[in-house]
Amino acid sequence: WVDREELIDVVTGLSGSGPAYFFAMVEHLIESGISLGLT
């Protein structure tokens, strides 16, 4: 629970959209591994 409505937008930026940040990180880790020789 947040005590100010504008903090819901912060929750959006942190955890609402957050899964995509991790997916992007893994996406780039995969490409880095491939560029260095892994399948």
All heavy atoms as atom14 arrays in JSON, in Angstrom:
{
  "sequence": "WVDREELIDVVTGLSGSGPAYFFAMVEHLIESGISLGLT",
  "atom14_mask": [
    [1, 1, 1, 1, 1, 1, 1, 1, 1, 1, 1, 1, 1, 1],
    [1, 1, 1, 1, 1, 1, 1, 0, 0, 0, 0, 0, 0, 0],
    [1, 1, 1, 1, 1, 1, 1, 1, 0, 0, 0, 0, 0, 0],
    [1, 1, 1, 1, 1, 1, 1, 1, 1, 1, 1, 0, 0, 0],
    [1, 1, 1, 1, 1, 1, 1, 1, 1, 0, 0, 0, 0, 0],
    [1, 1, 1, 1, 1, 1, 1, 1, 1, 0, 0, 0, 0, 0],
    [1, 1, 1, 1, 1, 1, 1, 1, 0, 0, 0, 0, 0, 0],
    [1, 1, 1, 1, 1, 1, 1, 1, 0, 0, 0, 0, 0, 0],
    [1, 1, 1, 1, 1, 1, 1, 1, 0, 0, 0, 0, 0, 0],
    [1, 1, 1, 1, 1, 1, 1, 0, 0, 0, 0, 0, 0, 0],
    [1, 1, 1, 1, 1, 1, 1, 0, 0, 0, 0, 0, 0, 0],
    [1, 1, 1, 1, 1, 1, 1, 0, 0, 0, 0, 0, 0, 0],
    [1, 1, 1, 1, 0, 0, 0, 0, 0, 0, 0, 0, 0, 0],
    [1, 1, 1, 1, 1, 1, 1, 1, 0, 0, 0, 0, 0, 0],
    [1, 1, 1, 1, 1, 1, 0, 0, 0, 0, 0, 0, 0, 0],
    [1, 1, 1, 1, 0, 0, 0, 0, 0, 0, 0, 0, 0, 0],
    [1, 1, 1, 1, 1, 1, 0, 0, 0, 0, 0, 0, 0, 0],
    [1, 1, 1, 1, 0, 0, 0, 0, 0, 0, 0, 0, 0, 0],
    [1, 1, 1, 1, 1, 1, 1, 0, 0, 0, 0, 0, 0, 0],
    [1, 1, 1, 1, 1, 0, 0, 0, 0, 0, 0, 0, 0, 0],
    [1, 1, 1, 1, 1, 1, 1, 1, 1, 1, 1, 1, 0, 0],
    [1, 1, 1, 1, 1, 1, 1, 1, 1, 1, 1, 0, 0, 0],
    [1, 1, 1, 1, 1, 1, 1, 1, 1, 1, 1, 0, 0, 0],
    [1, 1, 1, 1, 1, 0, 0, 0, 0, 0, 0, 0, 0, 0],
    [1, 1, 1, 1, 1, 1, 1, 1, 0, 0, 0, 0, 0, 0],
    [1, 1, 1, 1, 1, 1, 1, 0, 0, 0, 0, 0, 0, 0],
    [1, 1, 1, 1, 1, 1, 1, 1, 1, 0, 0, 0, 0, 0],
    [1, 1, 1, 1, 1, 1, 1, 1, 1, 1, 0, 0, 0, 0],
    [1, 1, 1, 1, 1, 1, 1, 1, 0, 0, 0, 0, 0, 0],
    [1, 1, 1, 1, 1, 1, 1, 1, 0, 0, 0, 0, 0, 0],
    [1, 1, 1, 1, 1, 1, 1, 1, 1, 0, 0, 0, 0, 0],
    [1, 1, 1, 1, 1, 1, 0, 0, 0, 0, 0, 0, 0, 0],
    [1, 1, 1, 1, 0, 0, 0, 0, 0, 0, 0, 0, 0, 0],
    [1, 1, 1, 1, 1, 1, 1, 1, 0, 0, 0, 0, 0, 0],
    [1, 1, 1, 1, 1, 1, 0, 0, 0, 0, 0, 0, 0, 0],
    [1, 1, 1, 1, 1, 1, 1, 1, 0, 0, 0, 0, 0, 0],
    [1, 1, 1, 1, 0, 0, 0, 0, 0, 0, 0, 0, 0, 0],
    [1, 1, 1, 1, 1, 1, 1, 1, 0, 0, 0, 0, 0, 0],
    [1, 1, 1, 1, 1, 1, 1, 0, 0, 0, 0, 0, 0, 0]
  ],
  "atom14_positions": [
    [[0.85, -1.19, 0.0], [0.0, 0.0, 0.0], [0.88, 1.24, 0.0], [1.82, 1.32, 0.79], [-0.91, 0.02, 1.22], [-2.01, -0.99, 1.17], [-2.01, -2.24, 1.71], [-3.29, -0.83, 0.54], [-3.21, -2.88, 1.45], [-4.01, -2.03, 0.73], [-3.89, 0.22, -0.17], [-5.3, -2.22, 0.25], [-5.18, 0.04, -0.66], [-5.87, -1.18, -0.44]],
    [[0.6, 2.19, -0.87], [1.32, 3.46, -0.87], [0.4, 4.55, -0.34], [-0.83, 4.45, -0.44], [1.85, 3.82, -2.27], [2.87, 2.79, -2.74], [0.71, 3.91, -3.3], [0.0, 0.0, 0.0], [0.0, 0.0, 0.0], [0.0, 0.0, 0.0], [0.0, 0.0, 0.0], [0.0, 0.0, 0.0], [0.0, 0.0, 0.0], [0.0, 0.0, 0.0]],
    [[0.99, 5.59, 0.25], [0.17, 6.6, 0.93], [-0.06, 7.86, 0.1], [-0.72, 8.79, 0.55], [0.77, 6.96, 2.29], [2.2, 7.48, 2.19], [2.68, 7.72, 1.06], [2.83, 7.65, 3.25], [0.0, 0.0, 0.0], [0.0, 0.0, 0.0], [0.0, 0.0, 0.0], [0.0, 0.0, 0.0], [0.0, 0.0, 0.0], [0.0, 0.0, 0.0]],
    [[0.49, 7.91, -1.12], [0.21, 9.01, -2.04], [-0.05, 8.43, -3.42], [0.67, 7.52, -3.86], [1.38, 9.99, -2.11], [1.77, 10.6, -0.79], [2.66, 11.82, -0.95], [3.76, 11.65, -1.87], [4.93, 11.08, -1.57], [5.14, 10.62, -0.34], [5.88, 10.99, -2.48], [0.0, 0.0, 0.0], [0.0, 0.0, 0.0], [0.0, 0.0, 0.0]],
    [[-1.06, 8.97, -4.09], [-1.46, 8.37, -5.37], [-0.35, 8.41, -6.41], [-0.2, 7.47, -7.2], [-2.71, 9.06, -5.92], [-3.23, 8.39, -7.18], [-4.57, 8.92, -7.65], [-5.03, 9.95, -7.11], [-5.15, 8.31, -8.56], [0.0, 0.0, 0.0], [0.0, 0.0, 0.0], [0.0, 0.0, 0.0], [0.0, 0.0, 0.0], [0.0, 0.0, 0.0]],
    [[0.46, 9.47, -6.41], [1.5, 9.55, -7.42], [2.53, 8.42, -7.31], [3.24, 8.1, -8.27], [2.22, 10.91, -7.36], [2.91, 11.22, -6.04], [2.04, 12.02, -5.08], [0.8, 11.9, -5.14], [2.62, 12.78, -4.26], [0.0, 0.0, 0.0], [0.0, 0.0, 0.0], [0.0, 0.0, 0.0], [0.0, 0.0, 0.0], [0.0, 0.0, 0.0]],
    [[2.58, 7.8, -6.12], [3.51, 6.68, -5.94], [3.08, 5.43, -6.71], [3.9, 4.54, -6.95], [3.68, 6.36, -4.46], [4.4, 7.44, -3.64], [4.48, 7.05, -2.17], [5.79, 7.73, -4.2], [0.0, 0.0, 0.0], [0.0, 0.0, 0.0], [0.0, 0.0, 0.0], [0.0, 0.0, 0.0], [0.0, 0.0, 0.0], [0.0, 0.0, 0.0]],
    [[1.81, 5.37, -7.11], [1.38, 4.26, -7.96], [2.13, 4.31, -9.3], [2.48, 3.28, -9.88], [-0.14, 4.29, -8.19], [-0.86, 3.74, -6.95], [-0.56, 3.46, -9.41], [-0.71, 2.23, -6.73], [0.0, 0.0, 0.0], [0.0, 0.0, 0.0], [0.0, 0.0, 0.0], [0.0, 0.0, 0.0], [0.0, 0.0, 0.0], [0.0, 0.0, 0.0]],
    [[2.42, 5.53, -9.78], [3.21, 5.64, -11.02], [4.64, 5.16, -10.8], [5.25, 4.59, -11.71], [3.21, 7.1, -11.5], [1.84, 7.56, -11.96], [1.1, 6.74, -12.53], [1.51, 8.75, -11.73], [0.0, 0.0, 0.0], [0.0, 0.0, 0.0], [0.0, 0.0, 0.0], [0.0, 0.0, 0.0], [0.0, 0.0, 0.0], [0.0, 0.0, 0.0]],
    [[5.17, 5.36, -9.59], [6.5, 4.85, -9.28], [6.48, 3.32, -9.22], [7.4, 2.66, -9.72], [7.02, 5.44, -7.95], [8.42, 4.91, -7.64], [7.03, 6.96, -7.99], [0.0, 0.0, 0.0], [0.0, 0.0, 0.0], [0.0, 0.0, 0.0], [0.0, 0.0, 0.0], [0.0, 0.0, 0.0], [0.0, 0.0, 0.0], [0.0, 0.0, 0.0]],
    [[5.44, 2.77, -8.62], [5.27, 1.31, -8.61], [5.22, 0.79, -10.05], [5.82, -0.25, -10.38], [4.0, 0.9, -7.85], [3.73, -0.6, -8.0], [4.12, 1.25, -6.37], [0.0, 0.0, 0.0], [0.0, 0.0, 0.0], [0.0, 0.0, 0.0], [0.0, 0.0, 0.0], [0.0, 0.0, 0.0], [0.0, 0.0, 0.0], [0.0, 0.0, 0.0]],
    [[4.53, 1.52, -10.92], [4.47, 1.15, -12.33], [5.86, 1.09, -12.93], [6.23, 0.13, -13.62], [3.61, 2.15, -13.13], [2.29, 2.18, -12.58], [3.55, 1.78, -14.59], [0.0, 0.0, 0.0], [0.0, 0.0, 0.0], [0.0, 0.0, 0.0], [0.0, 0.0, 0.0], [0.0, 0.0, 0.0], [0.0, 0.0, 0.0], [0.0, 0.0, 0.0]],
    [[6.67, 2.12, -12.66], [8.01, 2.18, -13.2], [8.95, 1.15, -12.63], [9.88, 0.69, -13.32], [0.0, 0.0, 0.0], [0.0, 0.0, 0.0], [0.0, 0.0, 0.0], [0.0, 0.0, 0.0], [0.0, 0.0, 0.0], [0.0, 0.0, 0.0], [0.0, 0.0, 0.0], [0.0, 0.0, 0.0], [0.0, 0.0, 0.0], [0.0, 0.0, 0.0]],
    [[8.74, 0.77, -11.37], [9.63, -0.19, -10.7], [9.21, -1.64, -10.95], [9.95, -2.42, -11.56], [9.67, 0.09, -9.2], [10.53, -0.86, -8.36], [11.98, -0.8, -8.77], [10.38, -0.53, -6.87], [0.0, 0.0, 0.0], [0.0, 0.0, 0.0], [0.0, 0.0, 0.0], [0.0, 0.0, 0.0], [0.0, 0.0, 0.0], [0.0, 0.0, 0.0]],
    [[8.02, -2.0, -10.49], [7.62, -3.41, -10.56], [6.61, -3.71, -11.67], [6.57, -4.83, -12.17], [7.06, -3.88, -9.22], [5.95, -3.09, -8.83], [0.0, 0.0, 0.0], [0.0, 0.0, 0.0], [0.0, 0.0, 0.0], [0.0, 0.0, 0.0], [0.0, 0.0, 0.0], [0.0, 0.0, 0.0], [0.0, 0.0, 0.0], [0.0, 0.0, 0.0]],
    [[5.78, -2.7, -12.04], [4.82, -2.95, -13.1], [5.52, -3.23, -14.42], [5.24, -4.22, -15.1], [0.0, 0.0, 0.0], [0.0, 0.0, 0.0], [0.0, 0.0, 0.0], [0.0, 0.0, 0.0], [0.0, 0.0, 0.0], [0.0, 0.0, 0.0], [0.0, 0.0, 0.0], [0.0, 0.0, 0.0], [0.0, 0.0, 0.0], [0.0, 0.0, 0.0]],
    [[6.46, -2.37, -14.77], [7.26, -2.56, -15.99], [8.52, -3.38, -15.73], [9.17, -3.83, -16.68], [7.66, -1.19, -16.56], [6.52, -0.42, -16.89], [0.0, 0.0, 0.0], [0.0, 0.0, 0.0], [0.0, 0.0, 0.0], [0.0, 0.0, 0.0], [0.0, 0.0, 0.0], [0.0, 0.0, 0.0], [0.0, 0.0, 0.0], [0.0, 0.0, 0.0]],
    [[8.86, -3.58, -14.47], [10.12, -4.21, -14.08], [10.43, -5.54, -14.73], [11.58, -5.79, -15.11], [0.0, 0.0, 0.0], [0.0, 0.0, 0.0], [0.0, 0.0, 0.0], [0.0, 0.0, 0.0], [0.0, 0.0, 0.0], [0.0, 0.0, 0.0], [0.0, 0.0, 0.0], [0.0, 0.0, 0.0], [0.0, 0.0, 0.0], [0.0, 0.0, 0.0]],
    [[9.44, -6.47, -14.87], [9.78, -7.74, -15.51], [10.44, -7.59, -16.87], [11.35, -8.35, -17.23], [8.42, -8.43, -15.62], [7.66, -7.92, -14.44], [8.07, -6.46, -14.34], [0.0, 0.0, 0.0], [0.0, 0.0, 0.0], [0.0, 0.0, 0.0], [0.0, 0.0, 0.0], [0.0, 0.0, 0.0], [0.0, 0.0, 0.0], [0.0, 0.0, 0.0]],
    [[10.0, -6.58, -17.65], [10.59, -6.37, -18.97], [12.06, -6.0, -18.88], [12.85, -6.33, -19.78], [9.83, -5.29, -19.73], [0.0, 0.0, 0.0], [0.0, 0.0, 0.0], [0.0, 0.0, 0.0], [0.0, 0.0, 0.0], [0.0, 0.0, 0.0], [0.0, 0.0, 0.0], [0.0, 0.0, 0.0], [0.0, 0.0, 0.0], [0.0, 0.0, 0.0]],
    [[12.46, -5.32, -17.79], [13.87, -4.96, -17.64], [14.72, -6.23, -17.49], [15.82, -6.32, -18.06], [14.09, -4.07, -16.42], [13.15, -2.89, -16.28], [12.92, -2.31, -15.02], [12.46, -2.35, -17.36], [12.07, -1.22, -14.86], [11.6, -1.27, -17.21], [11.4, -0.72, -15.96], [10.54, 0.34, -15.8], [0.0, 0.0, 0.0], [0.0, 0.0, 0.0]],
    [[14.21, -7.17, -16.72], [14.94, -8.43, -16.53], [14.96, -9.24, -17.82], [15.98, -9.85, -18.17], [14.32, -9.22, -15.38], [14.64, -8.67, -14.04], [13.83, -7.72, -13.45], [15.79, -9.06, -13.36], [14.14, -7.17, -12.22], [16.11, -8.54, -12.12], [15.28, -7.59, -11.55], [0.0, 0.0, 0.0], [0.0, 0.0, 0.0], [0.0, 0.0, 0.0]],
    [[13.84, -9.25, -18.54], [13.8, -9.97, -19.81], [14.83, -9.37, -20.79], [15.52, -10.11, -21.51], [12.41, -9.92, -20.43], [11.33, -10.52, -19.57], [10.02, -10.06, -19.65], [11.61, -11.56, -18.68], [9.02, -10.61, -18.86], [10.62, -12.11, -17.88], [9.32, -11.64, -17.98], [0.0, 0.0, 0.0], [0.0, 0.0, 0.0], [0.0, 0.0, 0.0]],
    [[14.92, -8.05, -20.81], [15.88, -7.39, -21.7], [17.32, -7.74, -21.3], [18.18, -7.99, -22.16], [15.68, -5.88, -21.67], [0.0, 0.0, 0.0], [0.0, 0.0, 0.0], [0.0, 0.0, 0.0], [0.0, 0.0, 0.0], [0.0, 0.0, 0.0], [0.0, 0.0, 0.0], [0.0, 0.0, 0.0], [0.0, 0.0, 0.0], [0.0, 0.0, 0.0]],
    [[17.57, -7.78, -19.99], [18.92, -8.12, -19.51], [19.29, -9.54, -19.95], [20.39, -9.78, -20.46], [18.95, -8.02, -17.98], [20.29, -8.34, -17.36], [21.55, -7.1, -17.76], [22.94, -7.71, -16.8], [0.0, 0.0, 0.0], [0.0, 0.0, 0.0], [0.0, 0.0, 0.0], [0.0, 0.0, 0.0], [0.0, 0.0, 0.0], [0.0, 0.0, 0.0]],
    [[18.36, -10.48, -19.79], [18.63, -11.86, -20.18], [18.8, -11.96, -21.69], [19.67, -12.68, -22.19], [17.5, -12.79, -19.69], [17.66, -14.19, -20.26], [17.5, -12.85, -18.16], [0.0, 0.0, 0.0], [0.0, 0.0, 0.0], [0.0, 0.0, 0.0], [0.0, 0.0, 0.0], [0.0, 0.0, 0.0], [0.0, 0.0, 0.0], [0.0, 0.0, 0.0]],
    [[17.98, -11.21, -22.42], [18.1, -11.17, -23.88], [19.52, -10.79, -24.3], [20.12, -11.42, -25.18], [17.08, -10.18, -24.42], [17.04, -10.03, -25.92], [16.04, -8.96, -26.36], [15.35, -8.38, -25.49], [15.98, -8.71, -27.57], [0.0, 0.0, 0.0], [0.0, 0.0, 0.0], [0.0, 0.0, 0.0], [0.0, 0.0, 0.0], [0.0, 0.0, 0.0]],
    [[20.06, -9.75, -23.65], [21.39, -9.28, -24.01], [22.49, -10.21, -23.5], [23.54, -10.34, -24.16], [21.59, -7.85, -23.5], [20.71, -6.86, -24.19], [20.65, -6.74, -25.55], [19.84, -5.95, -23.7], [19.79, -5.79, -25.89], [19.27, -5.3, -24.77], [0.0, 0.0, 0.0], [0.0, 0.0, 0.0], [0.0, 0.0, 0.0], [0.0, 0.0, 0.0]],
    [[22.27, -10.85, -22.36], [23.23, -11.86, -21.89], [23.34, -12.99, -22.9], [24.45, -13.48, -23.2], [22.8, -12.42, -20.53], [23.05, -11.56, -19.3], [22.39, -12.2, -18.08], [24.55, -11.37, -19.05], [0.0, 0.0, 0.0], [0.0, 0.0, 0.0], [0.0, 0.0, 0.0], [0.0, 0.0, 0.0], [0.0, 0.0, 0.0], [0.0, 0.0, 0.0]],
    [[22.21, -13.41, -23.43], [22.2, -14.5, -24.42], [23.0, -14.09, -25.66], [23.86, -14.84, -26.15], [20.75, -14.87, -24.8], [20.06, -15.56, -23.62], [20.73, -15.78, -26.04], [18.56, -15.71, -23.8], [0.0, 0.0, 0.0], [0.0, 0.0, 0.0], [0.0, 0.0, 0.0], [0.0, 0.0, 0.0], [0.0, 0.0, 0.0], [0.0, 0.0, 0.0]],
    [[22.72, -12.87, -26.16], [23.42, -12.41, -27.36], [24.92, -12.27, -27.11], [25.74, -12.56, -28.0], [22.82, -11.09, -27.83], [21.39, -11.19, -28.32], [21.22, -12.2, -29.45], [22.12, -12.29, -30.31], [20.19, -12.9, -29.46], [0.0, 0.0, 0.0], [0.0, 0.0, 0.0], [0.0, 0.0, 0.0], [0.0, 0.0, 0.0], [0.0, 0.0, 0.0]],
    [[25.29, -11.84, -25.9], [26.72, -11.73, -25.57], [27.38, -13.1, -25.58], [28.49, -13.26, -26.11], [26.9, -11.08, -24.2], [26.45, -9.75, -24.21], [0.0, 0.0, 0.0], [0.0, 0.0, 0.0], [0.0, 0.0, 0.0], [0.0, 0.0, 0.0], [0.0, 0.0, 0.0], [0.0, 0.0, 0.0], [0.0, 0.0, 0.0], [0.0, 0.0, 0.0]],
    [[26.7, -14.09, -24.98], [27.24, -15.44, -24.97], [27.43, -16.0, -26.37], [28.44, -16.66, -26.68], [0.0, 0.0, 0.0], [0.0, 0.0, 0.0], [0.0, 0.0, 0.0], [0.0, 0.0, 0.0], [0.0, 0.0, 0.0], [0.0, 0.0, 0.0], [0.0, 0.0, 0.0], [0.0, 0.0, 0.0], [0.0, 0.0, 0.0], [0.0, 0.0, 0.0]],
    [[26.45, -15.72, -27.24], [26.53, -16.21, -28.62], [27.7, -15.56, -29.35], [28.47, -16.23, -30.06], [25.2, -15.92, -29.36], [24.08, -16.77, -28.78], [25.35, -16.17, -30.86], [22.69, -16.36, -29.26], [0.0, 0.0, 0.0], [0.0, 0.0, 0.0], [0.0, 0.0, 0.0], [0.0, 0.0, 0.0], [0.0, 0.0, 0.0], [0.0, 0.0, 0.0]],
    [[27.85, -14.23, -29.14], [28.93, -13.52, -29.84], [30.31, -14.01, -29.41], [31.29, -13.87, -30.16], [28.82, -12.02, -29.59], [29.16, -11.69, -28.25], [0.0, 0.0, 0.0], [0.0, 0.0, 0.0], [0.0, 0.0, 0.0], [0.0, 0.0, 0.0], [0.0, 0.0, 0.0], [0.0, 0.0, 0.0], [0.0, 0.0, 0.0], [0.0, 0.0, 0.0]],
    [[30.38, -14.61, -28.22], [31.67, -15.11, -27.71], [31.85, -16.61, -27.94], [32.82, -17.2, -27.45], [31.79, -14.78, -26.22], [31.92, -13.28, -25.91], [31.77, -13.02, -24.42], [33.24, -12.74, -26.42], [0.0, 0.0, 0.0], [0.0, 0.0, 0.0], [0.0, 0.0, 0.0], [0.0, 0.0, 0.0], [0.0, 0.0, 0.0], [0.0, 0.0, 0.0]],
    [[30.9, -17.24, -28.67], [31.13, -18.62, -29.09], [30.14, -19.67, -28.64], [30.16, -20.8, -29.14], [0.0, 0.0, 0.0], [0.0, 0.0, 0.0], [0.0, 0.0, 0.0], [0.0, 0.0, 0.0], [0.0, 0.0, 0.0], [0.0, 0.0, 0.0], [0.0, 0.0, 0.0], [0.0, 0.0, 0.0], [0.0, 0.0, 0.0], [0.0, 0.0, 0.0]],
    [[29.27, -19.37, -27.67], [28.28, -20.35, -27.25], [27.18, -20.5, -28.31], [26.93, -19.58, -29.09], [27.63, -19.94, -25.93], [28.52, -19.92, -24.69], [27.76, -19.33, -23.51], [29.02, -21.32, -24.34], [0.0, 0.0, 0.0], [0.0, 0.0, 0.0], [0.0, 0.0, 0.0], [0.0, 0.0, 0.0], [0.0, 0.0, 0.0], [0.0, 0.0, 0.0]],
    [[26.53, -21.65, -28.33], [25.36, -21.79, -29.19], [24.2, -21.03, -28.56], [24.2, -20.74, -27.36], [24.95, -23.26, -29.37], [24.46, -23.75, -28.11], [26.11, -24.12, -29.85], [0.0, 0.0, 0.0], [0.0, 0.0, 0.0], [0.0, 0.0, 0.0], [0.0, 0.0, 0.0], [0.0, 0.0, 0.0], [0.0, 0.0, 0.0], [0.0, 0.0, 0.0]]
  ]
}
